[in-house]
Amino acid sequence: MEFHGFKTCMLISNSFHIRRIRYIANAIGYSALYYADRSFQAVRKQGYRTLHELKAFRTTHKVIKELSNP
């Protein structure tokens, strides 16, 4: 971002991915604000998707770790 002269950016996602976005932003040194609003019914129905999100988070964690420790 700095290479192109940008000082801010906006990351847009659904609330399901907010934890991973927060982790990535913090891992690469960007401060950010977050907001997610989900109903209880939406949270209740997400079991299957949560398993896939955990897999994606583990992959993201490994990549971020490798990039931050050259």
C-alpha atoms as a PDB file:
ATOM      1  CA  MET A   1       0.000   0.000   0.000  1.00  0.00           C
ATOM      2  CA  GLU A   2       2.733   2.431   0.933  1.00  0.00           C
ATOM      3  CA  PHE A   3       4.444   1.738  -2.393  1.00  0.00           C
ATOM      4  CA  HIS A   4       1.444   3.273  -4.181  1.00  0.00           C
ATOM      5  CA  GLY A   5       1.098   6.156  -1.717  1.00  0.00           C
ATOM      6  CA  PHE A   6      -2.078   4.904  -0.090  1.00  0.00           C
ATOM      7  CA  LYS A   7      -2.618   5.683   3.573  1.00  0.00           C
ATOM      8  CA  THR A   8      -5.943   3.959   4.138  1.00  0.00           C
ATOM      9  CA  CYS A   9      -7.967   1.152   2.662  1.00  0.00           C
ATOM     10  CA  MET A  10     -11.349  -0.425   3.135  1.00  0.00           C
ATOM     11  CA  LEU A  11     -11.734  -4.171   3.494  1.00  0.00           C
ATOM     12  CA  ILE A  12     -15.238  -5.379   2.814  1.00  0.00           C
ATOM     13  CA  SER A  13     -16.503  -8.799   3.727  1.00  0.00           C
ATOM     14  CA  ASN A  14     -19.469 -10.436   5.321  1.00  0.00           C
ATOM     15  CA  SER A  15     -19.562 -10.794   9.075  1.00  0.00           C
ATOM     16  CA  PHE A  16     -18.653 -14.464   8.885  1.00  0.00           C
ATOM     17  CA  HIS A  17     -15.053 -13.635   7.879  1.00  0.00           C
ATOM     18  CA  ILE A  18     -14.481 -10.676  10.195  1.00  0.00           C
ATOM     19  CA  ARG A  19     -12.164 -12.491  12.624  1.00  0.00           C
ATOM     20  CA  ARG A  20      -9.831 -13.594   9.838  1.00  0.00           C
ATOM     21  CA  ILE A  21      -9.780 -10.110   8.308  1.00  0.00           C
ATOM     22  CA  ARG A  22      -8.954  -8.630  11.721  1.00  0.00           C
ATOM     23  CA  TYR A  23      -6.146 -11.160  12.185  1.00  0.00           C
ATOM     24  CA  ILE A  24      -4.631 -10.448   8.759  1.00  0.00           C
ATOM     25  CA  ALA A  25      -4.812  -6.666   9.231  1.00  0.00           C
ATOM     26  CA  ASN A  26      -3.149  -6.872  12.638  1.00  0.00           C
ATOM     27  CA  ALA A  27      -0.529  -9.351  11.404  1.00  0.00           C
ATOM     28  CA  ILE A  28       0.603  -7.019   8.615  1.00  0.00           C
ATOM     29  CA  GLY A  29       0.569  -3.971  10.869  1.00  0.00           C
ATOM     30  CA  TYR A  30      -2.627  -2.174   9.879  1.00  0.00           C
ATOM     31  CA  SER A  31      -4.979  -0.783  12.465  1.00  0.00           C
ATOM     32  CA  ALA A  32      -8.614  -1.083  11.561  1.00  0.00           C
ATOM     33  CA  LEU A  33     -12.142  -0.758  12.843  1.00  0.00           C
ATOM     34  CA  TYR A  34     -14.610  -3.606  12.492  1.00  0.00           C
ATOM     35  CA  TYR A  35     -18.332  -4.009  12.669  1.00  0.00           C
ATOM     36  CA  ALA A  36     -20.469  -7.104  12.288  1.00  0.00           C
ATOM     37  CA  ASP A  37     -24.153  -7.549  12.923  1.00  0.00           C
ATOM     38  CA  ARG A  38     -25.620 -11.041  12.790  1.00  0.00           C
ATOM     39  CA  SER A  39     -28.873 -12.408  14.064  1.00  0.00           C
ATOM     40  CA  PHE A  40     -28.949 -15.369  16.410  1.00  0.00           C
ATOM     41  CA  GLN A  41     -30.545 -17.475  13.656  1.00  0.00           C
ATOM     42  CA  ALA A  42     -27.672 -16.716  11.281  1.00  0.00           C
ATOM     43  CA  VAL A  43     -25.122 -17.721  13.916  1.00  0.00           C
ATOM     44  CA  ARG A  44     -27.020 -20.926  14.645  1.00  0.00           C
ATOM     45  CA  LYS A  45     -27.034 -22.006  10.992  1.00  0.00           C
ATOM     46  CA  GLN A  46     -23.338 -21.518  10.379  1.00  0.00           C
ATOM     47  CA  GLY A  47     -21.935 -24.798  11.803  1.00  0.00           C
ATOM     48  CA  TYR A  48     -20.842 -26.281   8.469  1.00  0.00           C
ATOM     49  CA  ARG A  49     -19.391 -23.009   7.245  1.00  0.00           C
ATOM     50  CA  THR A  50     -17.499 -22.568  10.513  1.00  0.00           C
ATOM     51  CA  LEU A  51     -15.528 -25.752   9.857  1.00  0.00           C
ATOM     52  CA  HIS A  52     -14.450 -24.408   6.481  1.00  0.00           C
ATOM     53  CA  GLU A  53     -13.618 -21.019   7.973  1.00  0.00           C
ATOM     54  CA  LEU A  54     -11.360 -22.709  10.525  1.00  0.00           C
ATOM     55  CA  LYS A  55      -9.524 -24.512   7.705  1.00  0.00           C
ATOM     56  CA  ALA A  56      -9.097 -21.228   5.834  1.00  0.00           C
ATOM     57  CA  PHE A  57      -7.906 -19.493   8.996  1.00  0.00           C
ATOM     58  CA  ARG A  58      -5.257 -22.166   9.594  1.00  0.00           C
ATOM     59  CA  THR A  59      -3.997 -21.758   6.015  1.00  0.00           C
ATOM     60  CA  THR A  60      -3.988 -17.967   6.344  1.00  0.00           C
ATOM     61  CA  HIS A  61      -2.149 -18.205   9.662  1.00  0.00           C
ATOM     62  CA  LYS A  62       0.630 -20.288   8.104  1.00  0.00           C
ATOM     63  CA  VAL A  63       1.050 -17.914   5.154  1.00  0.00           C
ATOM     64  CA  ILE A  64       1.085 -14.795   7.347  1.00  0.00           C
ATOM     65  CA  LYS A  65       3.605 -16.410   9.664  1.00  0.00           C
ATOM     66  CA  GLU A  66       5.899 -17.291   6.744  1.00  0.00           C
ATOM     67  CA  LEU A  67       5.628 -13.793   5.276  1.00  0.00           C
ATOM     68  CA  SER A  68       6.319 -12.064   8.578  1.00  0.00           C
ATOM     69  CA  ASN A  69       9.416 -14.191   9.309  1.00  0.00           C
ATOM     70  CA  PRO A  70      11.498 -14.067   6.103  1.00  0.00           C
END
